[in-house]
Amino acid sequence: MGKESAGLLMYRRRAGVLEVFLVHPGGPFWAGKETGTWSLPKGEYLPGEDPLAAARREFQEETGFSAVGKFLPLPPLRQPGGKRIHAWAVEGDCDPGAVRSNTFTLEWPPRSGRVREFPEVDRAAWFPLEEARRRILKGQLGFLEELERLLP
């Protein structure tokens, strides 16, 4: 079985415009890249772990916020690398400027022997759907399309 991830796609309406909350990956590989790099907060989970519980945990770890509300299941998407992502949409609100992410370590620069710590998420933002379509990873675009289909 391939790797499985779970995440939450938070949404809100502002002046009649549907917006989604996306995060930008931290670390040196993603620095300066904007188009096709943003994601819903998500992470891998273990066999036997409840995917929705994992999605809520990952949202909290990557943003510092707890998500509460009615969780609408979205069809899972298989990513180009083979990983499958399970996602739920949830209506909510949070301040992107207050995001506090967990961290990871990486030898950087490569082969330098120097290990550095980076945030898993370096920033977050609310985007109207049209802008979100440009920003989100191509393999997650289906989540935005399904959200738009589900909401009146």
C-alpha atoms as a PDB file:
ATOM      1  CA  MET A   1       0.000   0.000   0.000  1.00  0.00           C
ATOM      2  CA  GLY A   2       1.266   3.496  -0.901  1.00  0.00           C
ATOM      3  CA  LYS A   3       1.615   6.371   1.485  1.00  0.00           C
ATOM      4  CA  GLU A   4      -1.574   7.996   2.721  1.00  0.00           C
ATOM      5  CA  SER A   5      -2.021  11.608   3.815  1.00  0.00           C
ATOM      6  CA  ALA A   6      -4.959  13.467   5.283  1.00  0.00           C
ATOM      7  CA  GLY A   7      -5.735  17.157   5.354  1.00  0.00           C
ATOM      8  CA  LEU A   8      -8.310  19.885   5.774  1.00  0.00           C
ATOM      9  CA  LEU A   9      -9.442  22.449   3.258  1.00  0.00           C
ATOM     10  CA  MET A  10     -10.751  25.354   5.325  1.00  0.00           C
ATOM     11  CA  TYR A  11     -13.038  27.770   3.540  1.00  0.00           C
ATOM     12  CA  ARG A  12     -14.928  30.972   4.275  1.00  0.00           C
ATOM     13  CA  ARG A  13     -17.044  33.529   2.453  1.00  0.00           C
ATOM     14  CA  ARG A  14     -16.085  37.217   2.378  1.00  0.00           C
ATOM     15  CA  ALA A  15     -18.465  39.651   0.637  1.00  0.00           C
ATOM     16  CA  GLY A  16     -19.967  36.734  -1.277  1.00  0.00           C
ATOM     17  CA  VAL A  17     -16.573  35.421  -2.443  1.00  0.00           C
ATOM     18  CA  LEU A  18     -15.550  31.865  -1.569  1.00  0.00           C
ATOM     19  CA  GLU A  19     -12.003  31.784  -0.177  1.00  0.00           C
ATOM     20  CA  VAL A  20      -9.780  28.858   0.824  1.00  0.00           C
ATOM     21  CA  PHE A  21      -6.965  28.692   3.359  1.00  0.00           C
ATOM     22  CA  LEU A  22      -3.711  27.342   1.914  1.00  0.00           C
ATOM     23  CA  VAL A  23      -0.198  26.942   3.313  1.00  0.00           C
ATOM     24  CA  HIS A  24       3.197  27.381   1.690  1.00  0.00           C
ATOM     25  CA  PRO A  25       5.856  24.740   2.453  1.00  0.00           C
ATOM     26  CA  GLY A  26       8.875  25.887   4.415  1.00  0.00           C
ATOM     27  CA  GLY A  27      12.486  25.070   3.758  1.00  0.00           C
ATOM     28  CA  PRO A  28      15.005  25.994   1.090  1.00  0.00           C
ATOM     29  CA  PHE A  29      13.496  23.949  -1.763  1.00  0.00           C
ATOM     30  CA  TRP A  30      10.318  26.052  -1.818  1.00  0.00           C
ATOM     31  CA  ALA A  31      11.768  29.503  -1.086  1.00  0.00           C
ATOM     32  CA  GLY A  32      10.698  32.034  -3.692  1.00  0.00           C
ATOM     33  CA  LYS A  33       8.284  29.651  -5.433  1.00  0.00           C
ATOM     34  CA  GLU A  34       4.644  30.727  -5.509  1.00  0.00           C
ATOM     35  CA  THR A  35       2.780  29.169  -8.425  1.00  0.00           C
ATOM     36  CA  GLY A  36       1.837  25.513  -8.026  1.00  0.00           C
ATOM     37  CA  THR A  37       3.458  25.137  -4.594  1.00  0.00           C
ATOM     38  CA  TRP A  38       0.750  25.923  -2.017  1.00  0.00           C
ATOM     39  CA  SER A  39      -1.194  23.141  -0.333  1.00  0.00           C
ATOM     40  CA  LEU A  40      -3.954  22.385   2.085  1.00  0.00           C
ATOM     41  CA  PRO A  41      -2.505  21.598   5.539  1.00  0.00           C
ATOM     42  CA  LYS A  42      -1.970  17.840   5.508  1.00  0.00           C
ATOM     43  CA  GLY A  43       0.335  15.033   6.506  1.00  0.00           C
ATOM     44  CA  GLU A  44       0.906  11.306   6.455  1.00  0.00           C
ATOM     45  CA  TYR A  45      -0.894   8.969   8.792  1.00  0.00           C
ATOM     46  CA  LEU A  46      -0.311   5.398   9.869  1.00  0.00           C
ATOM     47  CA  PRO A  47      -2.346   2.310   8.927  1.00  0.00           C
ATOM     48  CA  GLY A  48      -5.198   1.932  11.399  1.00  0.00           C
ATOM     49  CA  GLU A  49      -5.196   5.648  12.280  1.00  0.00           C
ATOM     50  CA  ASP A  50      -8.466   7.500  11.684  1.00  0.00           C
ATOM     51  CA  PRO A  51      -7.846   9.729   8.635  1.00  0.00           C
ATOM     52  CA  LEU A  52     -10.093  12.576   9.854  1.00  0.00           C
ATOM     53  CA  ALA A  53      -8.373  12.594  13.250  1.00  0.00           C
ATOM     54  CA  ALA A  54      -5.028  12.679  11.425  1.00  0.00           C
ATOM     55  CA  ALA A  55      -6.220  15.556   9.215  1.00  0.00           C
ATOM     56  CA  ARG A  56      -7.268  17.575  12.266  1.00  0.00           C
ATOM     57  CA  ARG A  57      -3.940  16.826  14.002  1.00  0.00           C
ATOM     58  CA  GLU A  58      -1.931  17.826  10.938  1.00  0.00           C
ATOM     59  CA  PHE A  59      -3.911  21.059  10.565  1.00  0.00           C
ATOM     60  CA  GLN A  60      -3.095  21.940  14.173  1.00  0.00           C
ATOM     61  CA  GLU A  61       0.591  20.973  13.847  1.00  0.00           C
ATOM     62  CA  GLU A  62       1.113  22.934  10.631  1.00  0.00           C
ATOM     63  CA  THR A  63      -0.877  26.048  11.535  1.00  0.00           C
ATOM     64  CA  GLY A  64      -1.256  26.179  15.318  1.00  0.00           C
ATOM     65  CA  PHE A  65      -5.057  26.374  14.910  1.00  0.00           C
ATOM     66  CA  SER A  66      -7.742  23.858  15.823  1.00  0.00           C
ATOM     67  CA  ALA A  67     -10.429  23.182  13.239  1.00  0.00           C
ATOM     68  CA  VAL A  68     -13.967  22.600  14.442  1.00  0.00           C
ATOM     69  CA  GLY A  69     -17.239  22.318  12.594  1.00  0.00           C
ATOM     70  CA  LYS A  70     -18.928  20.098  10.073  1.00  0.00           C
ATOM     71  CA  PHE A  71     -16.316  18.187   8.080  1.00  0.00           C
ATOM     72  CA  LEU A  72     -17.401  17.486   4.495  1.00  0.00           C
ATOM     73  CA  PRO A  73     -15.513  14.549   2.958  1.00  0.00           C
ATOM     74  CA  LEU A  74     -13.921  15.200  -0.429  1.00  0.00           C
ATOM     75  CA  PRO A  75     -13.015  12.348  -2.798  1.00  0.00           C
ATOM     76  CA  PRO A  76      -9.418  11.212  -2.217  1.00  0.00           C
ATOM     77  CA  LEU A  77      -6.854  12.230  -4.839  1.00  0.00           C
ATOM     78  CA  ARG A  78      -3.853  10.237  -5.973  1.00  0.00           C
ATOM     79  CA  GLN A  79      -0.797  12.458  -6.365  1.00  0.00           C
ATOM     80  CA  PRO A  80       1.675  12.213  -9.267  1.00  0.00           C
ATOM     81  CA  GLY A  81       4.171  10.506  -6.922  1.00  0.00           C
ATOM     82  CA  GLY A  82       1.594   7.859  -5.923  1.00  0.00           C
ATOM     83  CA  LYS A  83       0.601   9.169  -2.492  1.00  0.00           C
ATOM     84  CA  ARG A  84      -3.143   9.331  -1.865  1.00  0.00           C
ATOM     85  CA  ILE A  85      -4.599  12.318   0.003  1.00  0.00           C
ATOM     86  CA  HIS A  86      -7.871  12.147   1.924  1.00  0.00           C
ATOM     87  CA  ALA A  87      -9.367  15.562   2.607  1.00  0.00           C
ATOM     88  CA  TRP A  88     -12.312  17.229   4.306  1.00  0.00           C
ATOM     89  CA  ALA A  89     -13.663  20.710   3.753  1.00  0.00           C
ATOM     90  CA  VAL A  90     -14.568  22.686   6.861  1.00  0.00           C
ATOM     91  CA  GLU A  91     -15.924  26.199   7.170  1.00  0.00           C
ATOM     92  CA  GLY A  92     -13.855  28.343   9.507  1.00  0.00           C
ATOM     93  CA  ASP A  93     -11.640  31.339   9.921  1.00  0.00           C
ATOM     94  CA  CYS A  94      -8.133  31.973  11.193  1.00  0.00           C
ATOM     95  CA  ASP A  95      -5.456  34.633  10.928  1.00  0.00           C
ATOM     96  CA  PRO A  96      -2.720  33.615   8.453  1.00  0.00           C
ATOM     97  CA  GLY A  97      -0.340  36.028  10.156  1.00  0.00           C
ATOM     98  CA  ALA A  98      -0.605  34.010  13.376  1.00  0.00           C
ATOM     99  CA  VAL A  99       0.389  30.645  11.849  1.00  0.00           C
ATOM    100  CA  ARG A 100       2.796  28.669  14.019  1.00  0.00           C
ATOM    101  CA  SER A 101       4.138  25.513  12.395  1.00  0.00           C
ATOM    102  CA  ASN A 102       6.049  22.502  13.592  1.00  0.00           C
ATOM    103  CA  THR A 103       9.583  22.158  12.213  1.00  0.00           C
ATOM    104  CA  PHE A 104      11.852  19.659  10.467  1.00  0.00           C
ATOM    105  CA  THR A 105      15.640  19.361  10.228  1.00  0.00           C
ATOM    106  CA  LEU A 106      17.644  19.178   7.036  1.00  0.00           C
ATOM    107  CA  GLU A 107      21.313  19.258   6.125  1.00  0.00           C
ATOM    108  CA  TRP A 108      21.634  22.609   4.384  1.00  0.00           C
ATOM    109  CA  PRO A 109      23.451  23.454   2.238  1.00  0.00           C
ATOM    110  CA  PRO A 110      23.721  19.886   0.909  1.00  0.00           C
ATOM    111  CA  ARG A 111      26.863  17.983   1.948  1.00  0.00           C
ATOM    112  CA  SER A 112      27.862  20.847   4.262  1.00  0.00           C
ATOM    113  CA  GLY A 113      27.493  18.830   7.459  1.00  0.00           C
ATOM    114  CA  ARG A 114      25.389  21.679   8.826  1.00  0.00           C
ATOM    115  CA  VAL A 115      21.920  20.653  10.008  1.00  0.00           C
ATOM    116  CA  ARG A 116      19.330  23.403  10.133  1.00  0.00           C
ATOM    117  CA  GLU A 117      15.771  23.597  11.370  1.00  0.00           C
ATOM    118  CA  PHE A 118      12.968  24.877   9.115  1.00  0.00           C
ATOM    119  CA  PRO A 119       9.217  25.363   9.635  1.00  0.00           C
ATOM    120  CA  GLU A 120       7.060  22.839   7.776  1.00  0.00           C
ATOM    121  CA  VAL A 121       4.876  25.788   6.769  1.00  0.00           C
ATOM    122  CA  ASP A 122       6.514  29.180   6.324  1.00  0.00           C
ATOM    123  CA  ARG A 123       3.295  31.124   5.692  1.00  0.00           C
ATOM    124  CA  ALA A 124      -0.411  30.816   4.987  1.00  0.00           C
ATOM    125  CA  ALA A 125      -3.027  32.883   3.198  1.00  0.00           C
ATOM    126  CA  TRP A 126      -6.669  33.086   2.206  1.00  0.00           C
ATOM    127  CA  PHE A 127      -7.211  32.972  -1.554  1.00  0.00           C
ATOM    128  CA  PRO A 128     -10.317  33.400  -3.694  1.00  0.00           C
ATOM    129  CA  LEU A 129     -10.834  30.191  -5.718  1.00  0.00           C
ATOM    130  CA  GLU A 130      -9.473  31.638  -8.965  1.00  0.00           C
ATOM    131  CA  GLU A 131      -6.190  32.635  -7.302  1.00  0.00           C
ATOM    132  CA  ALA A 132      -6.070  29.383  -5.315  1.00  0.00           C
ATOM    133  CA  ARG A 133      -6.217  27.437  -8.591  1.00  0.00           C
ATOM    134  CA  ARG A 134      -2.968  29.110  -9.672  1.00  0.00           C
ATOM    135  CA  ARG A 135      -1.244  28.678  -6.322  1.00  0.00           C
ATOM    136  CA  ILE A 136      -2.160  25.113  -5.298  1.00  0.00           C
ATOM    137  CA  LEU A 137      -0.128  22.043  -6.197  1.00  0.00           C
ATOM    138  CA  LYS A 138      -1.485  20.564  -9.433  1.00  0.00           C
ATOM    139  CA  GLY A 139      -2.280  17.233  -7.748  1.00  0.00           C
ATOM    140  CA  GLN A 140      -4.571  18.971  -5.228  1.00  0.00           C
ATOM    141  CA  LEU A 141      -6.553  21.050  -7.723  1.00  0.00           C
ATOM    142  CA  GLY A 142      -9.384  18.497  -7.616  1.00  0.00           C
ATOM    143  CA  PHE A 143     -10.103  19.428  -3.996  1.00  0.00           C
ATOM    144  CA  LEU A 144     -10.896  23.005  -5.039  1.00  0.00           C
ATOM    145  CA  GLU A 145     -13.104  21.782  -7.872  1.00  0.00           C
ATOM    146  CA  GLU A 146     -15.006  19.455  -5.541  1.00  0.00           C
ATOM    147  CA  LEU A 147     -15.464  22.196  -2.924  1.00  0.00           C
ATOM    148  CA  GLU A 148     -16.932  24.484  -5.557  1.00  0.00           C
ATOM    149  CA  ARG A 149     -19.289  21.706  -6.664  1.00  0.00           C
ATOM    150  CA  LEU A 150     -20.426  20.946  -3.081  1.00  0.00           C
ATOM    151  CA  LEU A 151     -21.151  24.498  -1.977  1.00  0.00           C
ATOM    152  CA  PRO A 152     -24.138  26.405  -3.302  1.00  0.00           C
END
